[in-house]
Amino acid sequence: MRYNQLGNTALNVSHISLGGASFSSIYGSFDEQRSLDLITEALNRGINYIETGPWYGQGSSERTIGKALKGKPRESYYIGSKVGRYEKDPMKMFDFSTEKTLAAVDNTLQLLGVEYVDLIQVHDVTFGDVDVILNETLPALEQVVKHGKARYIGVADYDLDLMKEIVDESKVPISTVLSYAKSTLIDNRLQNYTKFFKSRGVGVINAAATGMGLLCNAGPQSWHPASDDTKAMCCEAAQMCMERNVELARLASWFSLNQPGIDTHICGFRTIDQLDDTISVLEQGLSQQENMILQEFQKRFHGRLPLQWDKVELQTYKAQKAELAKSK
């Protein structure tokens, strides 16, 4: 396993890290024992950073990770969690207030069974008021750090410009940014921002190398927010790969894992086979056949569509809240 310093922090994180969303039913079926086995195997294979948050199963991810880590030396792993996004009910989903932030951190520590987390992040800042985040959430997290309940503070979002703005304007030191689906075969915008973040000593965390399942032979799940045109194009790419006995997810993973300026890549593995496959891609690279298909993919699909879905979930969330408000 390769290790990188996470920005200017004292954390030397594995190039591949473990995403905790799959340890819940939020994006698919959840099996606790499978998850426990997967976490243990990931640690055995050299992964030392685990990413989670209360939104993932409303606590089931944090609880499961806590079970898996019980009895393991605290210095043998790093763990990051989040504040800001919580419940499935749109009216209770987001809360960036000081009171909720402080209470949420304590609940996270209890579920994980640890005295501190290495990184605490403001989750999906797009859905909040920037003034509240700058003047309530981040100062609350600064108090969390001062009390020894976390070591570093980060922000997480789709919107790279917004995270840049927060890093620029925050009086509270921001140690990391977490970007979703912006270092992929179809959307590599993160590379336009890594130099800025690095110049500020901010660690760069990338998630969703496969675009949350768009770039794999099995195709995206029904909940995916991408447009029908984007899904159809990715299904066409998957069909091309299947006809040549190649897994599209391997090509997507290799591409992301080899982008410069990224300290760690969060992977939401659901099986140990997926874990093994991704580590193999990192350590051994692609075969000659896979390299040929990757080149064909880039020639055939590059620039065909606007392939982002940045505001789709925000618009859906606002519409759901408006509808619920009308019914009351």
C-alpha atoms as a PDB file:
ATOM      1  CA  MET A   1       0.000   0.000   0.000  1.00  0.00           C
ATOM      2  CA  ARG A   2       1.151   3.522  -0.807  1.00  0.00           C
ATOM      3  CA  TYR A   3       0.862   6.223   1.884  1.00  0.00           C
ATOM      4  CA  ASN A   4       0.617  10.013   1.569  1.00  0.00           C
ATOM      5  CA  GLN A   5       0.670  12.909   4.001  1.00  0.00           C
ATOM      6  CA  LEU A   6      -2.834  14.383   4.164  1.00  0.00           C
ATOM      7  CA  GLY A   7      -2.178  18.060   3.460  1.00  0.00           C
ATOM      8  CA  ASN A   8      -0.292  19.668   6.322  1.00  0.00           C
ATOM      9  CA  THR A   9      -1.753  17.292   8.902  1.00  0.00           C
ATOM     10  CA  ALA A  10       0.252  14.682  10.779  1.00  0.00           C
ATOM     11  CA  LEU A  11      -1.851  11.940   9.158  1.00  0.00           C
ATOM     12  CA  ASN A  12      -0.012   9.595   6.791  1.00  0.00           C
ATOM     13  CA  VAL A  13      -2.992   8.022   5.041  1.00  0.00           C
ATOM     14  CA  SER A  14      -3.245   5.036   2.722  1.00  0.00           C
ATOM     15  CA  HIS A  15      -3.706   5.927  -0.964  1.00  0.00           C
ATOM     16  CA  ILE A  16      -6.872   3.812  -0.907  1.00  0.00           C
ATOM     17  CA  SER A  17      -9.222   4.418   2.012  1.00  0.00           C
ATOM     18  CA  LEU A  18     -12.436   2.773   3.119  1.00  0.00           C
ATOM     19  CA  GLY A  19     -15.805   4.505   2.684  1.00  0.00           C
ATOM     20  CA  GLY A  20     -18.456   3.825   5.299  1.00  0.00           C
ATOM     21  CA  ALA A  21     -21.580   4.497   3.220  1.00  0.00           C
ATOM     22  CA  SER A  22     -21.703   0.823   2.232  1.00  0.00           C
ATOM     23  CA  PHE A  23     -22.027  -0.119   5.911  1.00  0.00           C
ATOM     24  CA  SER A  24     -25.625   1.021   5.773  1.00  0.00           C
ATOM     25  CA  SER A  25     -28.665   0.529   3.565  1.00  0.00           C
ATOM     26  CA  ILE A  26     -28.534   4.035   2.103  1.00  0.00           C
ATOM     27  CA  TYR A  27     -27.073   2.957  -1.261  1.00  0.00           C
ATOM     28  CA  GLY A  28     -27.940  -0.739  -1.290  1.00  0.00           C
ATOM     29  CA  SER A  29     -28.437  -3.767   0.931  1.00  0.00           C
ATOM     30  CA  PHE A  30     -26.626  -3.901   4.266  1.00  0.00           C
ATOM     31  CA  ASP A  31     -25.200  -7.013   5.885  1.00  0.00           C
ATOM     32  CA  GLU A  32     -23.436  -6.403   9.193  1.00  0.00           C
ATOM     33  CA  GLN A  33     -21.204  -9.477   9.208  1.00  0.00           C
ATOM     34  CA  ARG A  34     -20.094  -8.859   5.630  1.00  0.00           C
ATOM     35  CA  SER A  35     -19.244  -5.311   6.633  1.00  0.00           C
ATOM     36  CA  LEU A  36     -17.302  -6.386   9.733  1.00  0.00           C
ATOM     37  CA  ASP A  37     -15.279  -8.877   7.690  1.00  0.00           C
ATOM     38  CA  LEU A  38     -14.602  -6.257   5.013  1.00  0.00           C
ATOM     39  CA  ILE A  39     -13.352  -3.662   7.513  1.00  0.00           C
ATOM     40  CA  THR A  40     -11.030  -6.187   9.136  1.00  0.00           C
ATOM     41  CA  GLU A  41      -9.645  -7.318   5.782  1.00  0.00           C
ATOM     42  CA  ALA A  42      -9.116  -3.724   4.646  1.00  0.00           C
ATOM     43  CA  LEU A  43      -7.041  -2.997   7.747  1.00  0.00           C
ATOM     44  CA  ASN A  44      -5.077  -6.212   7.194  1.00  0.00           C
ATOM     45  CA  ARG A  45      -4.330  -5.118   3.614  1.00  0.00           C
ATOM     46  CA  GLY A  46      -2.794  -1.817   4.740  1.00  0.00           C
ATOM     47  CA  ILE A  47      -5.752   0.568   4.514  1.00  0.00           C
ATOM     48  CA  ASN A  48      -5.504   2.846   7.536  1.00  0.00           C
ATOM     49  CA  TYR A  49      -8.163   5.525   6.930  1.00  0.00           C
ATOM     50  CA  ILE A  50     -11.901   4.900   7.319  1.00  0.00           C
ATOM     51  CA  GLU A  51     -14.491   7.501   6.346  1.00  0.00           C
ATOM     52  CA  THR A  52     -18.011   7.579   7.776  1.00  0.00           C
ATOM     53  CA  GLY A  53     -20.796   9.905   8.951  1.00  0.00           C
ATOM     54  CA  PRO A  54     -24.195   9.896  10.704  1.00  0.00           C
ATOM     55  CA  TRP A  55     -26.053  10.252   7.381  1.00  0.00           C
ATOM     56  CA  TYR A  56     -24.983   6.750   6.358  1.00  0.00           C
ATOM     57  CA  GLY A  57     -27.779   4.671   7.798  1.00  0.00           C
ATOM     58  CA  GLN A  58     -28.546   7.237  10.517  1.00  0.00           C
ATOM     59  CA  GLY A  59     -25.805   5.750  12.671  1.00  0.00           C
ATOM     60  CA  SER A  60     -25.541   2.184  11.364  1.00  0.00           C
ATOM     61  CA  SER A  61     -22.252   2.895   9.558  1.00  0.00           C
ATOM     62  CA  GLU A  62     -20.608   4.424  12.617  1.00  0.00           C
ATOM     63  CA  ARG A  63     -21.974   1.673  14.866  1.00  0.00           C
ATOM     64  CA  THR A  64     -20.716  -1.084  12.550  1.00  0.00           C
ATOM     65  CA  ILE A  65     -17.274   0.476  12.205  1.00  0.00           C
ATOM     66  CA  GLY A  66     -17.110   0.805  15.990  1.00  0.00           C
ATOM     67  CA  LYS A  67     -17.783  -2.918  16.355  1.00  0.00           C
ATOM     68  CA  ALA A  68     -15.087  -3.769  13.810  1.00  0.00           C
ATOM     69  CA  LEU A  69     -12.504  -1.538  15.501  1.00  0.00           C
ATOM     70  CA  LYS A  70     -13.178  -2.740  19.040  1.00  0.00           C
ATOM     71  CA  GLY A  71      -9.953  -4.031  20.574  1.00  0.00           C
ATOM     72  CA  LYS A  72      -7.748  -2.749  17.761  1.00  0.00           C
ATOM     73  CA  PRO A  73      -4.945  -0.363  18.779  1.00  0.00           C
ATOM     74  CA  ARG A  74      -6.130   3.227  18.304  1.00  0.00           C
ATOM     75  CA  GLU A  75      -2.831   4.208  16.710  1.00  0.00           C
ATOM     76  CA  SER A  76      -3.267   1.576  13.991  1.00  0.00           C
ATOM     77  CA  TYR A  77      -5.981   3.489  12.092  1.00  0.00           C
ATOM     78  CA  TYR A  78      -7.340   6.942  11.314  1.00  0.00           C
ATOM     79  CA  ILE A  79     -11.037   7.650  11.217  1.00  0.00           C
ATOM     80  CA  GLY A  80     -13.045  10.559   9.823  1.00  0.00           C
ATOM     81  CA  SER A  81     -16.693  11.396  10.364  1.00  0.00           C
ATOM     82  CA  LYS A  82     -19.031  14.278   9.577  1.00  0.00           C
ATOM     83  CA  VAL A  83     -21.611  16.718  10.881  1.00  0.00           C
ATOM     84  CA  GLY A  84     -24.431  18.561   9.162  1.00  0.00           C
ATOM     85  CA  ARG A  85     -26.420  15.823   7.405  1.00  0.00           C
ATOM     86  CA  TYR A  86     -28.472  13.424   9.494  1.00  0.00           C
ATOM     87  CA  GLU A  87     -32.059  12.265   8.905  1.00  0.00           C
ATOM     88  CA  LYS A  88     -33.972  10.895   5.910  1.00  0.00           C
ATOM     89  CA  ASP A  89     -36.850  13.302   6.538  1.00  0.00           C
ATOM     90  CA  PRO A  90     -36.070  16.365   4.347  1.00  0.00           C
ATOM     91  CA  MET A  91     -37.319  18.662   7.131  1.00  0.00           C
ATOM     92  CA  LYS A  92     -34.734  17.202   9.537  1.00  0.00           C
ATOM     93  CA  MET A  93     -32.025  16.179   7.098  1.00  0.00           C
ATOM     94  CA  PHE A  94     -29.650  19.114   7.589  1.00  0.00           C
ATOM     95  CA  ASP A  95     -28.708  21.057  10.709  1.00  0.00           C
ATOM     96  CA  PHE A  96     -25.543  23.152  10.809  1.00  0.00           C
ATOM     97  CA  SER A  97     -26.247  24.854  14.135  1.00  0.00           C
ATOM     98  CA  THR A  98     -23.745  24.993  16.987  1.00  0.00           C
ATOM     99  CA  GLU A  99     -25.953  22.974  19.342  1.00  0.00           C
ATOM    100  CA  LYS A 100     -26.601  20.147  16.879  1.00  0.00           C
ATOM    101  CA  THR A 101     -22.971  20.042  15.766  1.00  0.00           C
ATOM    102  CA  LEU A 102     -21.630  19.608  19.293  1.00  0.00           C
ATOM    103  CA  ALA A 103     -24.243  16.962  20.163  1.00  0.00           C
ATOM    104  CA  ALA A 104     -23.617  15.079  16.908  1.00  0.00           C
ATOM    105  CA  VAL A 105     -19.887  14.790  17.567  1.00  0.00           C
ATOM    106  CA  ASP A 106     -20.553  13.278  21.002  1.00  0.00           C
ATOM    107  CA  ASN A 107     -23.008  10.800  19.459  1.00  0.00           C
ATOM    108  CA  THR A 108     -20.471   9.844  16.783  1.00  0.00           C
ATOM    109  CA  LEU A 109     -17.780   9.161  19.378  1.00  0.00           C
ATOM    110  CA  GLN A 110     -20.187   6.997  21.364  1.00  0.00           C
ATOM    111  CA  LEU A 111     -21.205   4.943  18.315  1.00  0.00           C
ATOM    112  CA  LEU A 112     -17.609   4.504  17.163  1.00  0.00           C
ATOM    113  CA  GLY A 113     -16.398   3.691  20.667  1.00  0.00           C
ATOM    114  CA  VAL A 114     -13.458   6.098  20.415  1.00  0.00           C
ATOM    115  CA  GLU A 115     -12.362   9.147  22.401  1.00  0.00           C
ATOM    116  CA  TYR A 116     -11.620  11.207  19.293  1.00  0.00           C
ATOM    117  CA  VAL A 117     -11.838  11.149  15.511  1.00  0.00           C
ATOM    118  CA  ASP A 118      -8.874  12.161  13.389  1.00  0.00           C
ATOM    119  CA  LEU A 119     -10.983  14.247  11.021  1.00  0.00           C
ATOM    120  CA  ILE A 120     -14.404  15.849  11.456  1.00  0.00           C
ATOM    121  CA  GLN A 121     -15.987  17.316   8.315  1.00  0.00           C
ATOM    122  CA  VAL A 122     -18.950  19.524   7.486  1.00  0.00           C
ATOM    123  CA  HIS A 123     -21.046  17.316   5.234  1.00  0.00           C
ATOM    124  CA  ASP A 124     -22.609  18.610   2.000  1.00  0.00           C
ATOM    125  CA  VAL A 125     -22.130  22.321   2.631  1.00  0.00           C
ATOM    126  CA  THR A 126     -24.151  23.103  -0.531  1.00  0.00           C
ATOM    127  CA  PHE A 127     -27.319  22.394   1.459  1.00  0.00           C
ATOM    128  CA  GLY A 128     -26.512  24.892   4.191  1.00  0.00           C
ATOM    129  CA  ASP A 129     -26.180  28.639   4.612  1.00  0.00           C
ATOM    130  CA  VAL A 130     -22.531  29.615   4.123  1.00  0.00           C
ATOM    131  CA  ASP A 131     -22.764  32.257   6.844  1.00  0.00           C
ATOM    132  CA  VAL A 132     -24.049  29.680   9.328  1.00  0.00           C
ATOM    133  CA  ILE A 133     -21.295  27.245   8.367  1.00  0.00           C
ATOM    134  CA  LEU A 134     -18.596  29.928   8.718  1.00  0.00           C
ATOM    135  CA  ASN A 135     -19.943  31.431  11.935  1.00  0.00           C
ATOM    136  CA  GLU A 136     -21.522  28.471  13.749  1.00  0.00           C
ATOM    137  CA  THR A 137     -20.538  25.056  12.405  1.00  0.00           C
ATOM    138  CA  LEU A 138     -16.816  25.596  11.921  1.00  0.00           C
ATOM    139  CA  PRO A 139     -16.298  27.496  15.218  1.00  0.00           C
ATOM    140  CA  ALA A 140     -18.177  24.669  16.986  1.00  0.00           C
ATOM    141  CA  LEU A 141     -15.811  22.160  15.409  1.00  0.00           C
ATOM    142  CA  GLU A 142     -12.872  24.298  16.501  1.00  0.00           C
ATOM    143  CA  GLN A 143     -14.117  23.828  20.068  1.00  0.00           C
ATOM    144  CA  VAL A 144     -14.405  20.090  19.412  1.00  0.00           C
ATOM    145  CA  VAL A 145     -10.732  20.049  18.416  1.00  0.00           C
ATOM    146  CA  LYS A 146      -9.727  22.125  21.442  1.00  0.00           C
ATOM    147  CA  HIS A 147     -11.466  19.611  23.703  1.00  0.00           C
ATOM    148  CA  GLY A 148      -9.570  16.713  22.108  1.00  0.00           C
ATOM    149  CA  LYS A 149     -12.583  15.115  20.438  1.00  0.00           C
ATOM    150  CA  ALA A 150     -11.139  15.579  16.933  1.00  0.00           C
ATOM    151  CA  ARG A 151      -7.735  16.389  15.498  1.00  0.00           C
ATOM    152  CA  TYR A 152      -8.541  18.186  12.241  1.00  0.00           C
ATOM    153  CA  ILE A 153     -11.466  19.870  10.460  1.00  0.00           C
ATOM    154  CA  GLY A 154     -12.581  19.455   6.833  1.00  0.00           C
ATOM    155  CA  VAL A 155     -15.419  20.225   4.433  1.00  0.00           C
ATOM    156  CA  ALA A 156     -17.117  17.830   2.017  1.00  0.00           C
ATOM    157  CA  ASP A 157     -19.226  18.634  -1.041  1.00  0.00           C
ATOM    158  CA  TYR A 158     -19.867  18.314  -4.771  1.00  0.00           C
ATOM    159  CA  ASP A 159     -19.292  22.030  -5.309  1.00  0.00           C
ATOM    160  CA  LEU A 160     -15.558  22.657  -5.659  1.00  0.00           C
ATOM    161  CA  ASP A 161     -15.995  26.427  -5.956  1.00  0.00           C
ATOM    162  CA  LEU A 162     -17.955  26.515  -2.711  1.00  0.00           C
ATOM    163  CA  MET A 163     -15.308  24.507  -0.854  1.00  0.00           C
ATOM    164  CA  LYS A 164     -12.648  26.839  -2.244  1.00  0.00           C
ATOM    165  CA  GLU A 165     -14.665  29.815  -0.990  1.00  0.00           C
ATOM    166  CA  ILE A 166     -14.968  28.317   2.493  1.00  0.00           C
ATOM    167  CA  VAL A 167     -11.247  27.527   2.663  1.00  0.00           C
ATOM    168  CA  ASP A 168     -10.576  31.121   1.577  1.00  0.00           C
ATOM    169  CA  GLU A 169     -12.952  32.788   4.018  1.00  0.00           C
ATOM    170  CA  SER A 170     -12.937  30.579   7.102  1.00  0.00           C
ATOM    171  CA  LYS A 171     -11.257  31.951  10.221  1.00  0.00           C
ATOM    172  CA  VAL A 172     -11.138  28.360  11.452  1.00  0.00           C
ATOM    173  CA  PRO A 173      -8.291  26.394   9.836  1.00  0.00           C
ATOM    174  CA  ILE A 174      -9.569  23.916   7.230  1.00  0.00           C
ATOM    175  CA  SER A 175      -7.266  20.911   6.927  1.00  0.00           C
ATOM    176  CA  THR A 176      -9.016  18.882   4.214  1.00  0.00           C
ATOM    177  CA  VAL A 177     -11.570  18.934   1.426  1.00  0.00           C
ATOM    178  CA  LEU A 178     -13.534  15.891   0.321  1.00  0.00           C
ATOM    179  CA  SER A 179     -14.716  15.935  -3.296  1.00  0.00           C
ATOM    180  CA  TYR A 180     -17.267  13.489  -4.745  1.00  0.00           C
ATOM    181  CA  ALA A 181     -17.141  12.147  -8.298  1.00  0.00           C
ATOM    182  CA  LYS A 182     -14.870  14.912  -9.612  1.00  0.00           C
ATOM    183  CA  SER A 183     -11.885  12.727 -10.428  1.00  0.00           C
ATOM    184  CA  THR A 184     -13.392  10.283 -12.895  1.00  0.00           C
ATOM    185  CA  LEU A 185     -13.105   9.232 -16.504  1.00  0.00           C
ATOM    186  CA  ILE A 186     -16.073  11.449 -17.362  1.00  0.00           C
ATOM    187  CA  ASP A 187     -15.533  14.402 -15.003  1.00  0.00           C
ATOM    188  CA  ASN A 188     -12.018  15.297 -13.889  1.00  0.00           C
ATOM    189  CA  ARG A 189     -12.626  18.857 -12.668  1.00  0.00           C
ATOM    190  CA  LEU A 190     -10.858  18.231  -9.363  1.00  0.00           C
ATOM    191  CA  GLN A 191      -7.543  18.693 -11.174  1.00  0.00           C
ATOM    192  CA  ASN A 192      -8.434  22.358 -11.713  1.00  0.00           C
ATOM    193  CA  TYR A 193      -8.444  22.902  -7.935  1.00  0.00           C
ATOM    194  CA  THR A 194      -5.769  20.657  -6.416  1.00  0.00           C
ATOM    195  CA  LYS A 195      -2.979  23.246  -6.781  1.00  0.00           C
ATOM    196  CA  PHE A 196      -5.043  25.850  -4.939  1.00  0.00           C
ATOM    197  CA  PHE A 197      -5.852  23.496  -2.076  1.00  0.00           C
ATOM    198  CA  LYS A 198      -2.263  22.266  -1.869  1.00  0.00           C
ATOM    199  CA  SER A 199      -1.001  25.856  -1.787  1.00  0.00           C
ATOM    200  CA  ARG A 200      -3.110  26.340   1.361  1.00  0.00           C
ATOM    201  CA  GLY A 201      -1.814  23.143   2.953  1.00  0.00           C
ATOM    202  CA  VAL A 202      -5.238  21.526   2.543  1.00  0.00           C
ATOM    203  CA  GLY A 203      -5.363  17.772   2.058  1.00  0.00           C
ATOM    204  CA  VAL A 204      -7.379  16.527  -0.920  1.00  0.00           C
ATOM    205  CA  ILE A 205      -9.652  13.517  -0.477  1.00  0.00           C
ATOM    206  CA  ASN A 206     -11.387  12.040  -3.512  1.00  0.00           C
ATOM    207  CA  ALA A 207     -14.459   9.817  -3.413  1.00  0.00           C
ATOM    208  CA  ALA A 208     -16.448   7.874  -5.999  1.00  0.00           C
ATOM    209  CA  ALA A 209     -13.920   6.938  -8.676  1.00  0.00           C
ATOM    210  CA  THR A 210     -16.695   5.132 -10.545  1.00  0.00           C
ATOM    211  CA  GLY A 211     -19.032   8.126 -10.384  1.00  0.00           C
ATOM    212  CA  MET A 212     -21.168   6.371  -7.729  1.00  0.00           C
ATOM    213  CA  GLY A 213     -21.582   3.287  -9.891  1.00  0.00           C
ATOM    214  CA  LEU A 214     -21.951   4.921 -13.306  1.00  0.00           C
ATOM    215  CA  LEU A 215     -18.619   3.550 -14.472  1.00  0.00           C
ATOM    216  CA  CYS A 216     -18.963  -0.180 -13.921  1.00  0.00           C
ATOM    217  CA  ASN A 217     -20.298  -3.032 -15.987  1.00  0.00           C
ATOM    218  CA  ALA A 218     -23.327  -3.479 -13.729  1.00  0.00           C
ATOM    219  CA  GLY A 219     -24.334   0.139 -14.366  1.00  0.00           C
ATOM    220  CA  PRO A 220     -25.816   2.677 -11.904  1.00  0.00           C
ATOM    221  CA  GLN A 221     -28.534   1.923  -9.388  1.00  0.00           C
ATOM    222  CA  SER A 222     -31.974   3.472  -9.767  1.00  0.00           C
ATOM    223  CA  TRP A 223     -31.289   6.232  -7.210  1.00  0.00           C
ATOM    224  CA  HIS A 224     -28.394   7.717  -9.183  1.00  0.00           C
ATOM    225  CA  PRO A 225     -29.006  11.447  -9.859  1.00  0.00           C
ATOM    226  CA  ALA A 226     -27.339  11.569 -13.301  1.00  0.00           C
ATOM    227  CA  SER A 227     -29.478  12.315 -16.367  1.00  0.00           C
ATOM    228  CA  ASP A 228     -30.913   9.522 -18.514  1.00  0.00           C
ATOM    229  CA  ASP A 229     -28.573  10.548 -21.349  1.00  0.00           C
ATOM    230  CA  THR A 230     -25.537  10.231 -19.088  1.00  0.00           C
ATOM    231  CA  LYS A 231     -26.672   6.848 -17.788  1.00  0.00           C
ATOM    232  CA  ALA A 232     -27.284   5.633 -21.353  1.00  0.00           C
ATOM    233  CA  MET A 233     -23.810   6.692 -22.443  1.00  0.00           C
ATOM    234  CA  CYS A 234     -22.202   4.934 -19.477  1.00  0.00           C
ATOM    235  CA  CYS A 235     -24.246   1.797 -20.205  1.00  0.00           C
ATOM    236  CA  GLU A 236     -22.936   1.944 -23.767  1.00  0.00           C
ATOM    237  CA  ALA A 237     -19.382   2.143 -22.390  1.00  0.00           C
ATOM    238  CA  ALA A 238     -20.069  -0.791 -20.066  1.00  0.00           C
ATOM    239  CA  GLN A 239     -21.392  -2.841 -22.973  1.00  0.00           C
ATOM    240  CA  MET A 240     -18.208  -2.096 -24.918  1.00  0.00           C
ATOM    241  CA  CYS A 241     -16.149  -3.350 -21.979  1.00  0.00           C
ATOM    242  CA  MET A 242     -18.247  -6.478 -21.453  1.00  0.00           C
ATOM    243  CA  GLU A 243     -17.896  -7.438 -25.123  1.00  0.00           C
ATOM    244  CA  ARG A 244     -14.125  -7.398 -24.584  1.00  0.00           C
ATOM    245  CA  ASN A 245     -14.242  -9.157 -21.205  1.00  0.00           C
ATOM    246  CA  VAL A 246     -13.040  -6.057 -19.331  1.00  0.00           C
ATOM    247  CA  GLU A 247     -14.524  -4.494 -16.181  1.00  0.00           C
ATOM    248  CA  LEU A 248     -15.156  -0.780 -16.640  1.00  0.00           C
ATOM    249  CA  ALA A 249     -14.726  -0.154 -12.901  1.00  0.00           C
ATOM    250  CA  ARG A 250     -11.089  -1.249 -13.128  1.00  0.00           C
ATOM    251  CA  LEU A 251     -10.395   1.332 -15.841  1.00  0.00           C
ATOM    252  CA  ALA A 252     -12.164   4.038 -13.819  1.00  0.00           C
ATOM    253  CA  SER A 253     -10.306   3.106 -10.641  1.00  0.00           C
ATOM    254  CA  TRP A 254      -6.923   3.118 -12.339  1.00  0.00           C
ATOM    255  CA  PHE A 255      -7.599   6.539 -13.857  1.00  0.00           C
ATOM    256  CA  SER A 256      -8.552   8.106 -10.518  1.00  0.00           C
ATOM    257  CA  LEU A 257      -5.808   6.411  -8.498  1.00  0.00           C
ATOM    258  CA  ASN A 258      -3.198   7.872 -10.837  1.00  0.00           C
ATOM    259  CA  GLN A 259      -4.357  11.486 -10.805  1.00  0.00           C
ATOM    260  CA  PRO A 260      -1.821  13.857  -9.191  1.00  0.00           C
ATOM    261  CA  GLY A 261      -2.407  15.910  -6.073  1.00  0.00           C
ATOM    262  CA  ILE A 262      -4.892  13.571  -4.379  1.00  0.00           C
ATOM    263  CA  ASP A 263      -3.896  12.226  -0.968  1.00  0.00           C
ATOM    264  CA  THR A 264      -6.407   9.425  -0.584  1.00  0.00           C
ATOM    265  CA  HIS A 265      -9.262   7.855  -2.541  1.00  0.00           C
ATOM    266  CA  ILE A 266     -12.352   6.758  -0.632  1.00  0.00           C
ATOM    267  CA  CYS A 267     -13.766   3.520  -2.033  1.00  0.00           C
ATOM    268  CA  GLY A 268     -17.159   2.214  -0.985  1.00  0.00           C
ATOM    269  CA  PHE A 269     -16.399  -1.479  -1.256  1.00  0.00           C
ATOM    270  CA  ARG A 270     -19.272  -3.876  -0.767  1.00  0.00           C
ATOM    271  CA  THR A 271     -17.233  -7.082  -1.071  1.00  0.00           C
ATOM    272  CA  ILE A 272     -13.719  -8.288  -0.332  1.00  0.00           C
ATOM    273  CA  ASP A 273     -13.362  -9.128  -4.044  1.00  0.00           C
ATOM    274  CA  GLN A 274     -13.864  -5.437  -4.890  1.00  0.00           C
ATOM    275  CA  LEU A 275     -11.256  -4.527  -2.281  1.00  0.00           C
ATOM    276  CA  ASP A 276      -8.771  -7.025  -3.728  1.00  0.00           C
ATOM    277  CA  ASP A 277      -9.426  -5.862  -7.274  1.00  0.00           C
ATOM    278  CA  THR A 278      -8.835  -2.181  -6.489  1.00  0.00           C
ATOM    279  CA  ILE A 279      -5.635  -2.875  -4.564  1.00  0.00           C
ATOM    280  CA  SER A 280      -4.478  -4.991  -7.519  1.00  0.00           C
ATOM    281  CA  VAL A 281      -5.148  -2.071  -9.899  1.00  0.00           C
ATOM    282  CA  LEU A 282      -3.088   0.222  -7.666  1.00  0.00           C
ATOM    283  CA  GLU A 283      -0.177  -2.195  -7.286  1.00  0.00           C
ATOM    284  CA  GLN A 284      -0.084  -3.858 -10.714  1.00  0.00           C
ATOM    285  CA  GLY A 285      -1.790  -1.407 -13.054  1.00  0.00           C
ATOM    286  CA  LEU A 286      -3.864  -2.394 -16.079  1.00  0.00           C
ATOM    287  CA  SER A 287      -3.222  -5.167 -18.557  1.00  0.00           C
ATOM    288  CA  GLN A 288      -2.371  -4.381 -22.171  1.00  0.00           C
ATOM    289  CA  GLN A 289      -5.944  -5.226 -23.159  1.00  0.00           C
ATOM    290  CA  GLU A 290      -7.356  -2.929 -20.475  1.00  0.00           C
ATOM    291  CA  ASN A 291      -5.070  -0.085 -21.556  1.00  0.00           C
ATOM    292  CA  MET A 292      -6.299  -0.447 -25.128  1.00  0.00           C
ATOM    293  CA  ILE A 293      -9.936  -0.333 -24.006  1.00  0.00           C
ATOM    294  CA  LEU A 294      -9.216   2.707 -21.826  1.00  0.00           C
ATOM    295  CA  GLN A 295      -7.797   4.568 -24.820  1.00  0.00           C
ATOM    296  CA  GLU A 296     -10.819   3.564 -26.903  1.00  0.00           C
ATOM    297  CA  PHE A 297     -13.152   4.772 -24.135  1.00  0.00           C
ATOM    298  CA  GLN A 298     -11.461   8.163 -24.014  1.00  0.00           C
ATOM    299  CA  LYS A 299     -11.614   8.611 -27.789  1.00  0.00           C
ATOM    300  CA  ARG A 300     -15.193   7.414 -28.084  1.00  0.00           C
ATOM    301  CA  PHE A 301     -16.885   9.097 -25.129  1.00  0.00           C
ATOM    302  CA  HIS A 302     -14.839  12.138 -24.147  1.00  0.00           C
ATOM    303  CA  GLY A 303     -16.812  15.391 -24.447  1.00  0.00           C
ATOM    304  CA  ARG A 304     -20.021  13.767 -25.654  1.00  0.00           C
ATOM    305  CA  LEU A 305     -22.293  15.057 -22.928  1.00  0.00           C
ATOM    306  CA  PRO A 306     -22.297  17.395 -19.952  1.00  0.00           C
ATOM    307  CA  LEU A 307     -21.750  14.647 -17.413  1.00  0.00           C
ATOM    308  CA  GLN A 308     -22.335  16.353 -14.081  1.00  0.00           C
ATOM    309  CA  TRP A 309     -25.280  16.252 -11.697  1.00  0.00           C
ATOM    310  CA  ASP A 310     -24.060  18.782  -9.134  1.00  0.00           C
ATOM    311  CA  LYS A 311     -27.361  20.580  -8.445  1.00  0.00           C
ATOM    312  CA  VAL A 312     -29.803  17.725  -9.033  1.00  0.00           C
ATOM    313  CA  GLU A 313     -29.963  16.524  -5.430  1.00  0.00           C
ATOM    314  CA  LEU A 314     -30.186  20.096  -4.123  1.00  0.00           C
ATOM    315  CA  GLN A 315     -33.148  20.820  -6.415  1.00  0.00           C
ATOM    316  CA  THR A 316     -34.848  17.566  -5.370  1.00  0.00           C
ATOM    317  CA  TYR A 317     -34.293  18.377  -1.702  1.00  0.00           C
ATOM    318  CA  LYS A 318     -35.772  21.874  -2.067  1.00  0.00           C
ATOM    319  CA  ALA A 319     -38.792  20.510  -3.936  1.00  0.00           C
ATOM    320  CA  GLN A 320     -39.411  17.866  -1.253  1.00  0.00           C
ATOM    321  CA  LYS A 321     -39.212  20.463   1.512  1.00  0.00           C
ATOM    322  CA  ALA A 322     -41.609  22.768  -0.328  1.00  0.00           C
ATOM    323  CA  GLU A 323     -44.088  19.929  -0.838  1.00  0.00           C
ATOM    324  CA  LEU A 324     -43.927  18.895   2.810  1.00  0.00           C
ATOM    325  CA  ALA A 325     -44.372  22.498   3.931  1.00  0.00           C
ATOM    326  CA  LYS A 326     -47.521  22.783   1.778  1.00  0.00           C
ATOM    327  CA  SER A 327     -49.048  19.642   3.288  1.00  0.00           C
ATOM    328  CA  LYS A 328     -48.758  20.932   6.830  1.00  0.00           C
END
